[in-house]
PDB file of N, CA and C in Angstrom:
ATOM      1  N   UNK A   1       3.630 -24.448   1.861  1.00  0.00           N
ATOM      2  CA  UNK A   1       4.243 -23.141   1.733  1.00  0.00           C
ATOM      3  C   UNK A   1       5.721 -23.193   2.140  1.00  0.00           C
ATOM      4  N   UNK A   2       6.002 -23.926   3.215  1.00  0.00           N
ATOM      5  CA  UNK A   2       7.393 -24.032   3.664  1.00  0.00           C
ATOM      6  C   UNK A   2       8.256 -24.712   2.608  1.00  0.00           C
ATOM      7  N   UNK A   3       7.737 -25.763   2.000  1.00  0.00           N
ATOM      8  CA  UNK A   3       8.487 -26.434   0.931  1.00  0.00           C
ATOM      9  C   UNK A   3       8.787 -25.476  -0.218  1.00  0.00           C
ATOM     10  N   UNK A   4       7.838 -24.609  -0.545  1.00  0.00           N
ATOM     11  CA  UNK A   4       8.046 -23.639  -1.627  1.00  0.00           C
ATOM     12  C   UNK A   4       9.148 -22.639  -1.267  1.00  0.00           C
ATOM     13  N   UNK A   5       9.189 -22.213  -0.016  1.00  0.00           N
ATOM     14  CA  UNK A   5      10.236 -21.281   0.422  1.00  0.00           C
ATOM     15  C   UNK A   5      11.598 -21.962   0.401  1.00  0.00           C
ATOM     16  N   UNK A   6      11.645 -23.201   0.881  1.00  0.00           N
ATOM     17  CA  UNK A   6      12.908 -23.946   0.828  1.00  0.00           C
ATOM     18  C   UNK A   6      13.353 -24.150  -0.625  1.00  0.00           C
ATOM     19  N   UNK A   7      12.398 -24.452  -1.503  1.00  0.00           N
ATOM     20  CA  UNK A   7      12.734 -24.663  -2.913  1.00  0.00           C
ATOM     21  C   UNK A   7      13.262 -23.372  -3.538  1.00  0.00           C
ATOM     22  N   UNK A   8      12.705 -22.246  -3.148  1.00  0.00           N
ATOM     23  CA  UNK A   8      13.186 -20.955  -3.651  1.00  0.00           C
ATOM     24  C   UNK A   8      14.619 -20.712  -3.218  1.00  0.00           C
ATOM     25  N   UNK A   9      14.911 -20.984  -1.951  1.00  0.00           N
ATOM     26  CA  UNK A   9      16.286 -20.828  -1.464  1.00  0.00           C
ATOM     27  C   UNK A   9      17.231 -21.744  -2.247  1.00  0.00           C
ATOM     28  N   UNK A  10      16.851 -23.011  -2.396  1.00  0.00           N
ATOM     29  CA  UNK A  10      17.697 -23.979  -3.104  1.00  0.00           C
ATOM     30  C   UNK A  10      17.950 -23.553  -4.548  1.00  0.00           C
ATOM     31  N   UNK A  11      16.890 -23.120  -5.219  1.00  0.00           N
ATOM     32  CA  UNK A  11      17.020 -22.705  -6.622  1.00  0.00           C
ATOM     33  C   UNK A  11      17.907 -21.471  -6.746  1.00  0.00           C
ATOM     34  N   UNK A  12      17.772 -20.539  -5.814  1.00  0.00           N
ATOM     35  CA  UNK A  12      18.588 -19.325  -5.847  1.00  0.00           C
ATOM     36  C   UNK A  12      20.050 -19.663  -5.607  1.00  0.00           C
ATOM     37  N   UNK A  13      20.324 -20.512  -4.628  1.00  0.00           N
ATOM     38  CA  UNK A  13      21.710 -20.922  -4.356  1.00  0.00           C
ATOM     39  C   UNK A  13      22.300 -21.656  -5.562  1.00  0.00           C
ATOM     40  N   UNK A  14      21.519 -22.514  -6.179  1.00  0.00           N
ATOM     41  CA  UNK A  14      22.002 -23.260  -7.343  1.00  0.00           C
ATOM     42  C   UNK A  14      22.254 -22.321  -8.523  1.00  0.00           C
ATOM     43  N   UNK A  15      21.343 -21.388  -8.729  1.00  0.00           N
ATOM     44  CA  UNK A  15      21.454 -20.436  -9.845  1.00  0.00           C
ATOM     45  C   UNK A  15      22.734 -19.610  -9.742  1.00  0.00           C
ATOM     46  N   UNK A  16      23.124 -19.279  -8.533  1.00  0.00           N
ATOM     47  CA  UNK A  16      24.283 -18.406  -8.324  1.00  0.00           C
ATOM     48  C   UNK A  16      25.499 -19.164  -7.774  1.00  0.00           C
ATOM     49  N   UNK A  17      25.531 -20.466  -8.002  1.00  0.00           N
ATOM     50  CA  UNK A  17      26.613 -21.303  -7.460  1.00  0.00           C
ATOM     51  C   UNK A  17      27.995 -20.846  -7.909  1.00  0.00           C
ATOM     52  N   UNK A  18      28.093 -20.314  -9.097  1.00  0.00           N
ATOM     53  CA  UNK A  18      29.400 -19.883  -9.617  1.00  0.00           C
ATOM     54  C   UNK A  18      29.611 -18.372  -9.491  1.00  0.00           C
ATOM     55  N   UNK A  19      28.617 -17.681  -8.982  1.00  0.00           N
ATOM     56  CA  UNK A  19      28.717 -16.225  -8.868  1.00  0.00           C
ATOM     57  C   UNK A  19      29.607 -15.843  -7.690  1.00  0.00           C
ATOM     58  N   UNK A  20      30.249 -14.732  -7.824  1.00  0.00           N
ATOM     59  CA  UNK A  20      31.008 -14.165  -6.713  1.00  0.00           C
ATOM     60  C   UNK A  20      30.126 -13.088  -6.099  1.00  0.00           C
ATOM     61  N   UNK A  21      29.722 -13.297  -4.871  1.00  0.00           N
ATOM     62  CA  UNK A  21      28.820 -12.361  -4.219  1.00  0.00           C
ATOM     63  C   UNK A  21      29.575 -11.095  -3.833  1.00  0.00           C
ATOM     64  N   UNK A  22      28.923  -9.958  -4.074  1.00  0.00           N
ATOM     65  CA  UNK A  22      29.539  -8.684  -3.708  1.00  0.00           C
ATOM     66  C   UNK A  22      29.613  -8.564  -2.194  1.00  0.00           C
ATOM     67  N   UNK A  23      30.513  -7.714  -1.749  1.00  0.00           N
ATOM     68  CA  UNK A  23      30.649  -7.475  -0.316  1.00  0.00           C
ATOM     69  C   UNK A  23      30.052  -6.116   0.015  1.00  0.00           C
ATOM     70  N   UNK A  24      29.883  -5.888   1.283  1.00  0.00           N
ATOM     71  CA  UNK A  24      29.346  -4.608   1.734  1.00  0.00           C
ATOM     72  C   UNK A  24      30.395  -3.521   1.678  1.00  0.00           C
ATOM     73  N   UNK A  25      30.038  -2.310   2.115  1.00  0.00           N
ATOM     74  CA  UNK A  25      30.968  -1.184   2.039  1.00  0.00           C
ATOM     75  C   UNK A  25      32.241  -1.395   2.860  1.00  0.00           C
ATOM     76  N   UNK A  26      32.167  -2.221   3.879  1.00  0.00           N
ATOM     77  CA  UNK A  26      33.355  -2.486   4.696  1.00  0.00           C
ATOM     78  C   UNK A  26      33.895  -3.891   4.426  1.00  0.00           C
ATOM     79  N   UNK A  27      33.490  -4.476   3.300  1.00  0.00           N
ATOM     80  CA  UNK A  27      33.997  -5.792   2.922  1.00  0.00           C
ATOM     81  C   UNK A  27      33.255  -6.951   3.545  1.00  0.00           C
ATOM     82  N   UNK A  28      32.144  -6.691   4.213  1.00  0.00           N
ATOM     83  CA  UNK A  28      31.404  -7.745   4.909  1.00  0.00           C
ATOM     84  C   UNK A  28      30.544  -8.583   3.998  1.00  0.00           C
ATOM     85  N   UNK A  29      30.022  -9.643   4.558  1.00  0.00           N
ATOM     86  CA  UNK A  29      29.138 -10.537   3.831  1.00  0.00           C
ATOM     87  C   UNK A  29      29.729 -11.924   3.725  1.00  0.00           C
ATOM     88  N   UNK A  30      28.867 -12.901   3.817  1.00  0.00           N
ATOM     89  CA  UNK A  30      29.315 -14.292   3.757  1.00  0.00           C
ATOM     90  C   UNK A  30      29.375 -14.777   2.320  1.00  0.00           C
ATOM     91  N   UNK A  31      30.201 -15.787   2.097  1.00  0.00           N
ATOM     92  CA  UNK A  31      30.238 -16.448   0.797  1.00  0.00           C
ATOM     93  C   UNK A  31      28.955 -17.255   0.638  1.00  0.00           C
ATOM     94  N   UNK A  32      28.681 -17.684  -0.573  1.00  0.00           N
ATOM     95  CA  UNK A  32      27.491 -18.490  -0.840  1.00  0.00           C
ATOM     96  C   UNK A  32      27.532 -19.786  -0.028  1.00  0.00           C
ATOM     97  N   UNK A  33      28.678 -20.429   0.027  1.00  0.00           N
ATOM     98  CA  UNK A  33      28.796 -21.672   0.799  1.00  0.00           C
ATOM     99  C   UNK A  33      28.485 -21.438   2.271  1.00  0.00           C
ATOM    100  N   UNK A  34      28.933 -20.321   2.804  1.00  0.00           N
ATOM    101  CA  UNK A  34      28.667 -20.013   4.212  1.00  0.00           C
ATOM    102  C   UNK A  34      27.202 -19.687   4.449  1.00  0.00           C
ATOM    103  N   UNK A  35      26.564 -19.049   3.487  1.00  0.00           N
ATOM    104  CA  UNK A  35      25.124 -18.763   3.621  1.00  0.00           C
ATOM    105  C   UNK A  35      24.347 -20.069   3.642  1.00  0.00           C
ATOM    106  N   UNK A  36      24.656 -20.966   2.725  1.00  0.00           N
ATOM    107  CA  UNK A  36      23.972 -22.266   2.671  1.00  0.00           C
ATOM    108  C   UNK A  36      24.209 -23.025   3.973  1.00  0.00           C
ATOM    109  N   UNK A  37      25.431 -23.019   4.438  1.00  0.00           N
ATOM    110  CA  UNK A  37      25.756 -23.693   5.696  1.00  0.00           C
ATOM    111  C   UNK A  37      24.996 -23.070   6.863  1.00  0.00           C
ATOM    112  N   UNK A  38      24.919 -21.759   6.885  1.00  0.00           N
ATOM    113  CA  UNK A  38      24.200 -21.053   7.949  1.00  0.00           C
ATOM    114  C   UNK A  38      22.717 -21.421   7.961  1.00  0.00           C
ATOM    115  N   UNK A  39      22.095 -21.463   6.795  1.00  0.00           N
ATOM    116  CA  UNK A  39      20.677 -21.808   6.713  1.00  0.00           C
ATOM    117  C   UNK A  39      20.461 -23.234   7.226  1.00  0.00           C
ATOM    118  N   UNK A  40      21.326 -24.152   6.834  1.00  0.00           N
ATOM    119  CA  UNK A  40      21.237 -25.528   7.320  1.00  0.00           C
ATOM    120  C   UNK A  40      21.423 -25.580   8.833  1.00  0.00           C
ATOM    121  N   UNK A  41      22.445 -24.928   9.342  1.00  0.00           N
ATOM    122  CA  UNK A  41      22.737 -24.963  10.779  1.00  0.00           C
ATOM    123  C   UNK A  41      21.617 -24.337  11.609  1.00  0.00           C
ATOM    124  N   UNK A  42      20.901 -23.384  11.057  1.00  0.00           N
ATOM    125  CA  UNK A  42      19.800 -22.746  11.791  1.00  0.00           C
ATOM    126  C   UNK A  42      18.600 -23.681  11.921  1.00  0.00           C
ATOM    127  N   UNK A  43      18.453 -24.609  11.006  1.00  0.00           N
ATOM    128  CA  UNK A  43      17.293 -25.499  11.045  1.00  0.00           C
ATOM    129  C   UNK A  43      17.324 -26.453  12.234  1.00  0.00           C
ATOM    130  N   UNK A  44      18.504 -26.863  12.697  1.00  0.00           N
ATOM    131  CA  UNK A  44      18.586 -27.782  13.845  1.00  0.00           C
ATOM    132  C   UNK A  44      17.976 -27.172  15.108  1.00  0.00           C
ATOM    133  N   UNK A  45      18.322 -25.919  15.463  1.00  0.00           N
ATOM    134  CA  UNK A  45      17.660 -25.320  16.622  1.00  0.00           C
ATOM    135  C   UNK A  45      16.160 -25.080  16.383  1.00  0.00           C
ATOM    136  N   UNK A  46      15.778 -24.807  15.142  1.00  0.00           N
ATOM    137  CA  UNK A  46      14.352 -24.645  14.850  1.00  0.00           C
ATOM    138  C   UNK A  46      13.622 -25.955  15.131  1.00  0.00           C
ATOM    139  N   UNK A  47      14.213 -27.066  14.702  1.00  0.00           N
ATOM    140  CA  UNK A  47      13.628 -28.376  14.973  1.00  0.00           C
ATOM    141  C   UNK A  47      13.564 -28.609  16.480  1.00  0.00           C
ATOM    142  N   UNK A  48      14.600 -28.219  17.183  1.00  0.00           N
ATOM    143  CA  UNK A  48      14.608 -28.348  18.638  1.00  0.00           C
ATOM    144  C   UNK A  48      13.502 -27.550  19.298  1.00  0.00           C
ATOM    145  N   UNK A  49      13.219 -26.382  18.768  1.00  0.00           N
ATOM    146  CA  UNK A  49      12.154 -25.553  19.334  1.00  0.00           C
ATOM    147  C   UNK A  49      10.770 -26.132  19.041  1.00  0.00           C
ATOM    148  N   UNK A  50      10.696 -27.044  18.077  1.00  0.00           N
ATOM    149  CA  UNK A  50       9.454 -27.783  17.834  1.00  0.00           C
ATOM    150  C   UNK A  50       9.335 -28.994  18.753  1.00  0.00           C
ATOM    151  N   UNK A  51      10.464 -29.394  19.339  1.00  0.00           N
ATOM    152  CA  UNK A  51      10.472 -30.554  20.214  1.00  0.00           C
ATOM    153  C   UNK A  51      11.221 -31.738  19.645  1.00  0.00           C
ATOM    154  N   UNK A  52      11.825 -31.564  18.486  1.00  0.00           N
ATOM    155  CA  UNK A  52      12.553 -32.654  17.848  1.00  0.00           C
ATOM    156  C   UNK A  52      14.039 -32.547  18.079  1.00  0.00           C
ATOM    157  N   UNK A  53      14.741 -33.511  17.544  1.00  0.00           N
ATOM    158  CA  UNK A  53      16.187 -33.549  17.663  1.00  0.00           C
ATOM    159  C   UNK A  53      16.743 -34.097  16.364  1.00  0.00           C
ATOM    160  N   UNK A  54      17.864 -33.541  15.935  1.00  0.00           N
ATOM    161  CA  UNK A  54      18.470 -33.985  14.685  1.00  0.00           C
ATOM    162  C   UNK A  54      19.910 -34.385  14.936  1.00  0.00           C
ATOM    163  N   UNK A  55      20.256 -35.546  14.440  1.00  0.00           N
ATOM    164  CA  UNK A  55      21.644 -36.006  14.495  1.00  0.00           C
ATOM    165  C   UNK A  55      22.105 -36.228  13.070  1.00  0.00           C
ATOM    166  N   UNK A  56      22.818 -35.264  12.551  1.00  0.00           N
ATOM    167  CA  UNK A  56      23.325 -35.353  11.191  1.00  0.00           C
ATOM    168  C   UNK A  56      24.647 -36.079  11.162  1.00  0.00           C
ATOM    169  N   UNK A  57      25.387 -35.836  10.107  1.00  0.00           N
ATOM    170  CA  UNK A  57      26.707 -36.412  10.061  1.00  0.00           C
ATOM    171  C   UNK A  57      27.148 -36.937   8.716  1.00  0.00           C
ATOM    172  N   UNK A  58      26.351 -36.731   7.673  1.00  0.00           N
ATOM    173  CA  UNK A  58      26.774 -37.244   6.371  1.00  0.00           C
ATOM    174  C   UNK A  58      27.933 -36.435   5.805  1.00  0.00           C
ATOM    175  N   UNK A  59      28.049 -35.175   6.241  1.00  0.00           N
ATOM    176  CA  UNK A  59      29.126 -34.331   5.749  1.00  0.00           C
ATOM    177  C   UNK A  59      28.840 -33.687   4.404  1.00  0.00           C
ATOM    178  N   UNK A  60      27.767 -34.088   3.762  1.00  0.00           N
ATOM    179  CA  UNK A  60      27.387 -33.500   2.467  1.00  0.00           C
ATOM    180  C   UNK A  60      26.227 -32.542   2.699  1.00  0.00           C
ATOM    181  N   UNK A  61      26.416 -31.235   2.440  1.00  0.00           N
ATOM    182  CA  UNK A  61      25.368 -30.265   2.730  1.00  0.00           C
ATOM    183  C   UNK A  61      24.020 -30.582   2.084  1.00  0.00           C
ATOM    184  N   UNK A  62      24.031 -31.065   0.845  1.00  0.00           N
ATOM    185  CA  UNK A  62      22.760 -31.351   0.178  1.00  0.00           C
ATOM    186  C   UNK A  62      22.019 -32.492   0.870  1.00  0.00           C
ATOM    187  N   UNK A  63      22.736 -33.532   1.270  1.00  0.00           N
ATOM    188  CA  UNK A  63      22.114 -34.660   1.976  1.00  0.00           C
ATOM    189  C   UNK A  63      21.655 -34.244   3.370  1.00  0.00           C
ATOM    190  N   UNK A  64      22.462 -33.434   4.037  1.00  0.00           N
ATOM    191  CA  UNK A  64      22.090 -32.938   5.365  1.00  0.00           C
ATOM    192  C   UNK A  64      20.821 -32.090   5.289  1.00  0.00           C
ATOM    193  N   UNK A  65      20.745 -31.209   4.292  1.00  0.00           N
ATOM    194  CA  UNK A  65      19.579 -30.340   4.137  1.00  0.00           C
ATOM    195  C   UNK A  65      18.329 -31.184   3.901  1.00  0.00           C
ATOM    196  N   UNK A  66      18.437 -32.173   3.044  1.00  0.00           N
ATOM    197  CA  UNK A  66      17.303 -33.043   2.737  1.00  0.00           C
ATOM    198  C   UNK A  66      16.841 -33.796   3.986  1.00  0.00           C
ATOM    199  N   UNK A  67      17.791 -34.333   4.724  1.00  0.00           N
ATOM    200  CA  UNK A  67      17.478 -35.084   5.935  1.00  0.00           C
ATOM    201  C   UNK A  67      16.884 -34.188   7.017  1.00  0.00           C
ATOM    202  N   UNK A  68      17.438 -33.006   7.178  1.00  0.00           N
ATOM    203  CA  UNK A  68      16.937 -32.055   8.172  1.00  0.00           C
ATOM    204  C   UNK A  68      15.495 -31.666   7.854  1.00  0.00           C
ATOM    205  N   UNK A  69      15.252 -31.361   6.606  1.00  0.00           N
ATOM    206  CA  UNK A  69      13.896 -30.957   6.213  1.00  0.00           C
ATOM    207  C   UNK A  69      12.895 -32.092   6.405  1.00  0.00           C
ATOM    208  N   UNK A  70      13.325 -33.308   6.155  1.00  0.00           N
ATOM    209  CA  UNK A  70      12.458 -34.468   6.385  1.00  0.00           C
ATOM    210  C   UNK A  70      12.099 -34.563   7.871  1.00  0.00           C
ATOM    211  N   UNK A  71      13.077 -34.343   8.739  1.00  0.00           N
ATOM    212  CA  UNK A  71      12.832 -34.391  10.186  1.00  0.00           C
ATOM    213  C   UNK A  71      11.897 -33.265  10.619  1.00  0.00           C
ATOM    214  N   UNK A  72      12.072 -32.089  10.043  1.00  0.00           N
ATOM    215  CA  UNK A  72      11.186 -30.963  10.383  1.00  0.00           C
ATOM    216  C   UNK A  72       9.762 -31.255   9.936  1.00  0.00           C
ATOM    217  N   UNK A  73       9.603 -31.751   8.711  1.00  0.00           N
ATOM    218  CA  UNK A  73       8.256 -32.097   8.221  1.00  0.00           C
ATOM    219  C   UNK A  73       7.588 -33.116   9.140  1.00  0.00           C
ATOM    220  N   UNK A  74       8.337 -34.141   9.525  1.00  0.00           N
ATOM    221  CA  UNK A  74       7.784 -35.194  10.392  1.00  0.00           C
ATOM    222  C   UNK A  74       7.357 -34.614  11.736  1.00  0.00           C
ATOM    223  N   UNK A  75       8.174 -33.744  12.314  1.00  0.00           N
ATOM    224  CA  UNK A  75       7.833 -33.141  13.603  1.00  0.00           C
ATOM    225  C   UNK A  75       6.631 -32.211  13.463  1.00  0.00           C
ATOM    226  N   UNK A  76       6.574 -31.463  12.375  1.00  0.00           N
ATOM    227  CA  UNK A  76       5.419 -30.586  12.142  1.00  0.00           C
ATOM    228  C   UNK A  76       4.135 -31.404  12.040  1.00  0.00           C
ATOM    229  N   UNK A  77       4.191 -32.488  11.265  1.00  0.00           N
ATOM    230  CA  UNK A  77       3.012 -33.345  11.121  1.00  0.00           C
ATOM    231  C   UNK A  77       2.593 -33.923  12.462  1.00  0.00           C
ATOM    232  N   UNK A  78       3.556 -34.364  13.240  1.00  0.00           N
ATOM    233  CA  UNK A  78       3.272 -34.922  14.555  1.00  0.00           C
ATOM    234  C   UNK A  78       2.622 -33.893  15.465  1.00  0.00           C
ATOM    235  N   UNK A  79       3.172 -32.706  15.490  1.00  0.00           N
ATOM    236  CA  UNK A  79       2.631 -31.655  16.355  1.00  0.00           C
ATOM    237  C   UNK A  79       1.244 -31.215  15.908  1.00  0.00           C
ATOM    238  N   UNK A  80       1.024 -31.118  14.600  1.00  0.00           N
ATOM    239  CA  UNK A  80      -0.287 -30.713  14.086  1.00  0.00           C
ATOM    240  C   UNK A  80      -1.346 -31.749  14.436  1.00  0.00           C
ATOM    241  N   UNK A  81      -0.944 -33.022  14.486  1.00  0.00           N
ATOM    242  CA  UNK A  81      -1.875 -34.088  14.851  1.00  0.00           C
ATOM    243  C   UNK A  81      -2.105 -34.171  16.357  1.00  0.00           C
ATOM    244  N   UNK A  82      -1.441 -33.289  17.113  1.00  0.00           N
ATOM    245  CA  UNK A  82      -1.680 -33.222  18.549  1.00  0.00           C
ATOM    246  C   UNK A  82      -0.697 -33.973  19.410  1.00  0.00           C
ATOM    247  N   UNK A  83       0.303 -34.589  18.809  1.00  0.00           N
ATOM    248  CA  UNK A  83       1.314 -35.302  19.590  1.00  0.00           C
ATOM    249  C   UNK A  83       2.258 -34.289  20.231  1.00  0.00           C
ATOM    250  N   UNK A  84       2.445 -34.427  21.528  1.00  0.00           N
ATOM    251  CA  UNK A  84       3.372 -33.553  22.238  1.00  0.00           C
ATOM    252  C   UNK A  84       4.685 -34.293  22.446  1.00  0.00           C
ATOM    253  N   UNK A  85       5.805 -33.655  22.140  1.00  0.00           N
ATOM    254  CA  UNK A  85       7.106 -34.304  22.336  1.00  0.00           C
ATOM    255  C   UNK A  85       7.414 -34.487  23.818  1.00  0.00           C
ATOM    256  N   UNK A  86       8.337 -35.397  24.102  1.00  0.00           N
ATOM    257  CA  UNK A  86       8.760 -35.621  25.480  1.00  0.00           C
ATOM    258  C   UNK A  86       9.373 -34.340  26.045  1.00  0.00           C
ATOM    259  N   UNK A  87       9.164 -34.130  27.325  1.00  0.00           N
ATOM    260  CA  UNK A  87       9.658 -32.909  27.954  1.00  0.00           C
ATOM    261  C   UNK A  87      11.173 -32.920  28.073  1.00  0.00           C
ATOM    262  N   UNK A  88      11.759 -33.985  28.570  1.00  0.00           N
ATOM    263  CA  UNK A  88      13.212 -34.081  28.680  1.00  0.00           C
ATOM    264  C   UNK A  88      13.800 -32.967  29.518  1.00  0.00           C
ATOM    265  N   UNK A  89      14.931 -32.424  29.049  1.00  0.00           N
ATOM    266  CA  UNK A  89      15.615 -31.364  29.782  1.00  0.00           C
ATOM    267  C   UNK A  89      15.323 -29.986  29.202  1.00  0.00           C
ATOM    268  N   UNK A  90      14.253 -29.844  28.507  1.00  0.00           N
ATOM    269  CA  UNK A  90      13.906 -28.594  27.838  1.00  0.00           C
ATOM    270  C   UNK A  90      13.709 -27.474  28.865  1.00  0.00           C
ATOM    271  N   UNK A  91      14.302 -26.321  28.591  1.00  0.00           N
ATOM    272  CA  UNK A  91      14.159 -25.180  29.488  1.00  0.00           C
ATOM    273  C   UNK A  91      13.431 -24.011  28.833  1.00  0.00           C
ATOM    274  N   UNK A  92      13.114 -24.135  27.560  1.00  0.00           N
ATOM    275  CA  UNK A  92      12.403 -23.064  26.857  1.00  0.00           C
ATOM    276  C   UNK A  92      11.083 -23.609  26.319  1.00  0.00           C
ATOM    277  N   UNK A  93      10.140 -22.710  26.125  1.00  0.00           N
ATOM    278  CA  UNK A  93       8.838 -23.108  25.589  1.00  0.00           C
ATOM    279  C   UNK A  93       8.979 -23.538  24.129  1.00  0.00           C
ATOM    280  N   UNK A  94       8.165 -24.500  23.743  1.00  0.00           N
ATOM    281  CA  UNK A  94       8.163 -24.947  22.352  1.00  0.00           C
ATOM    282  C   UNK A  94       7.504 -23.914  21.456  1.00  0.00           C
ATOM    283  N   UNK A  95       7.960 -23.876  20.215  1.00  0.00           N
ATOM    284  CA  UNK A  95       7.296 -23.047  19.219  1.00  0.00           C
ATOM    285  C   UNK A  95       6.043 -23.771  18.749  1.00  0.00           C
ATOM    286  N   UNK A  96       5.054 -23.024  18.355  1.00  0.00           N
ATOM    287  CA  UNK A  96       3.895 -23.623  17.706  1.00  0.00           C
ATOM    288  C   UNK A  96       4.311 -24.011  16.289  1.00  0.00           C
ATOM    289  N   UNK A  97       3.656 -25.003  15.698  1.00  0.00           N
ATOM    290  CA  UNK A  97       3.983 -25.340  14.311  1.00  0.00           C
ATOM    291  C   UNK A  97       3.850 -24.127  13.381  1.00  0.00           C
ATOM    292  N   UNK A  98       2.828 -23.325  13.597  1.00  0.00           N
ATOM    293  CA  UNK A  98       2.619 -22.141  12.753  1.00  0.00           C
ATOM    294  C   UNK A  98       3.825 -21.204  12.825  1.00  0.00           C
ATOM    295  N   UNK A  99       4.321 -20.952  14.038  1.00  0.00           N
ATOM    296  CA  UNK A  99       5.462 -20.053  14.182  1.00  0.00           C
ATOM    297  C   UNK A  99       6.719 -20.674  13.571  1.00  0.00           C
ATOM    298  N   UNK A 100       6.938 -21.960  13.783  1.00  0.00           N
ATOM    299  CA  UNK A 100       8.130 -22.625  13.240  1.00  0.00           C
ATOM    300  C   UNK A 100       8.146 -22.547  11.713  1.00  0.00           C
ATOM    301  N   UNK A 101       6.995 -22.747  11.104  1.00  0.00           N
ATOM    302  CA  UNK A 101       6.901 -22.648   9.642  1.00  0.00           C
ATOM    303  C   UNK A 101       7.224 -21.233   9.194  1.00  0.00           C
ATOM    304  N   UNK A 102       6.622 -20.262   9.855  1.00  0.00           N
ATOM    305  CA  UNK A 102       6.842 -18.857   9.486  1.00  0.00           C
ATOM    306  C   UNK A 102       8.313 -18.477   9.657  1.00  0.00           C
ATOM    307  N   UNK A 103       8.934 -18.924  10.739  1.00  0.00           N
ATOM    308  CA  UNK A 103      10.326 -18.572  11.029  1.00  0.00           C
ATOM    309  C   UNK A 103      11.278 -19.196  10.010  1.00  0.00           C
ATOM    310  N   UNK A 104      11.097 -20.485   9.734  1.00  0.00           N
ATOM    311  CA  UNK A 104      11.965 -21.159   8.782  1.00  0.00           C
ATOM    312  C   UNK A 104      11.777 -20.613   7.366  1.00  0.00           C
ATOM    313  N   UNK A 105      10.531 -20.364   6.996  1.00  0.00           N
ATOM    314  CA  UNK A 105      10.245 -19.819   5.663  1.00  0.00           C
ATOM    315  C   UNK A 105      10.882 -18.442   5.501  1.00  0.00           C
ATOM    316  N   UNK A 106      10.711 -17.589   6.512  1.00  0.00           N
ATOM    317  CA  UNK A 106      11.292 -16.246   6.451  1.00  0.00           C
ATOM    318  C   UNK A 106      12.813 -16.335   6.322  1.00  0.00           C
ATOM    319  N   UNK A 107      13.432 -17.202   7.113  1.00  0.00           N
ATOM    320  CA  UNK A 107      14.889 -17.304   7.113  1.00  0.00           C
ATOM    321  C   UNK A 107      15.411 -17.747   5.745  1.00  0.00           C
ATOM    322  N   UNK A 108      14.767 -18.761   5.162  1.00  0.00           N
ATOM    323  CA  UNK A 108      15.191 -19.232   3.838  1.00  0.00           C
ATOM    324  C   UNK A 108      15.021 -18.137   2.787  1.00  0.00           C
ATOM    325  N   UNK A 109      13.878 -17.448   2.796  1.00  0.00           N
ATOM    326  CA  UNK A 109      13.642 -16.394   1.805  1.00  0.00           C
ATOM    327  C   UNK A 109      14.554 -15.192   2.020  1.00  0.00           C
ATOM    328  N   UNK A 110      14.797 -14.847   3.269  1.00  0.00           N
ATOM    329  CA  UNK A 110      15.685 -13.716   3.553  1.00  0.00           C
ATOM    330  C   UNK A 110      17.063 -13.949   2.943  1.00  0.00           C
ATOM    331  N   UNK A 111      17.565 -15.160   3.070  1.00  0.00           N
ATOM    332  CA  UNK A 111      18.885 -15.447   2.506  1.00  0.00           C
ATOM    333  C   UNK A 111      18.831 -15.640   0.995  1.00  0.00           C
ATOM    334  N   UNK A 112      17.717 -16.100   0.467  1.00  0.00           N
ATOM    335  CA  UNK A 112      17.568 -16.160  -0.995  1.00  0.00           C
ATOM    336  C   UNK A 112      17.624 -14.743  -1.567  1.00  0.00           C
ATOM    337  N   UNK A 113      16.940 -13.813  -0.925  1.00  0.00           N
ATOM    338  CA  UNK A 113      16.967 -12.411  -1.373  1.00  0.00           C
ATOM    339  C   UNK A 113      18.369 -11.819  -1.236  1.00  0.00           C
ATOM    340  N   UNK A 114      19.049 -12.163  -0.163  1.00  0.00           N
ATOM    341  CA  UNK A 114      20.420 -11.681   0.027  1.00  0.00           C
ATOM    342  C   UNK A 114      21.316 -12.167  -1.109  1.00  0.00           C
ATOM    343  N   UNK A 115      21.198 -13.426  -1.459  1.00  0.00           N
ATOM    344  CA  UNK A 115      21.997 -13.992  -2.550  1.00  0.00           C
ATOM    345  C   UNK A 115      21.693 -13.250  -3.851  1.00  0.00           C
ATOM    346  N   UNK A 116      20.407 -13.080  -4.143  1.00  0.00           N
ATOM    347  CA  UNK A 116      20.011 -12.370  -5.370  1.00  0.00           C
ATOM    348  C   UNK A 116      20.584 -10.953  -5.391  1.00  0.00           C
ATOM    349  N   UNK A 117      20.474 -10.248  -4.288  1.00  0.00           N
ATOM    350  CA  UNK A 117      20.974  -8.871  -4.226  1.00  0.00           C
ATOM    351  C   UNK A 117      22.484  -8.811  -4.430  1.00  0.00           C
ATOM    352  N   UNK A 118      23.196  -9.717  -3.788  1.00  0.00           N
ATOM    353  CA  UNK A 118      24.649  -9.646  -3.809  1.00  0.00           C
ATOM    354  C   UNK A 118      25.259 -10.294  -5.044  1.00  0.00           C
ATOM    355  N   UNK A 119      24.477 -11.093  -5.770  1.00  0.00           N
ATOM    356  CA  UNK A 119      24.996 -11.737  -6.984  1.00  0.00           C
ATOM    357  C   UNK A 119      24.949 -10.802  -8.169  1.00  0.00           C
ATOM    358  N   UNK A 120      24.158  -9.781  -8.009  1.00  0.00           N
ATOM    359  CA  UNK A 120      24.100  -9.028  -9.099  1.00  0.00           C
ATOM    360  C   UNK A 120      23.817  -7.898  -9.764  1.00  0.00           C
TER     361      UNK A 120
END
């Protein structure tokens, strides 16, 4: 289900890659590039709340997104199989895999809907 939500976000961003997104009544709203960047940047803390860590650095958003999602899938599989991540310096409770999936899926779809609404 999470892969389907991510695919929906990706397809929506690709579909509207050349569109100029409308702004709000006071001129607000992010550009498409900023929305994509925001969705990617939000996944790192989500992975952290599962107990994982991501070190990116390719500089290419598409490669970063692919790599991040691979790390999230791996951590989800590990947690579902009962593996607990190292405690380390963690100060907050870990998310359950179920909650992490729901949160990431909602976030991707919320921004896909935003893109659709503002594109047109």
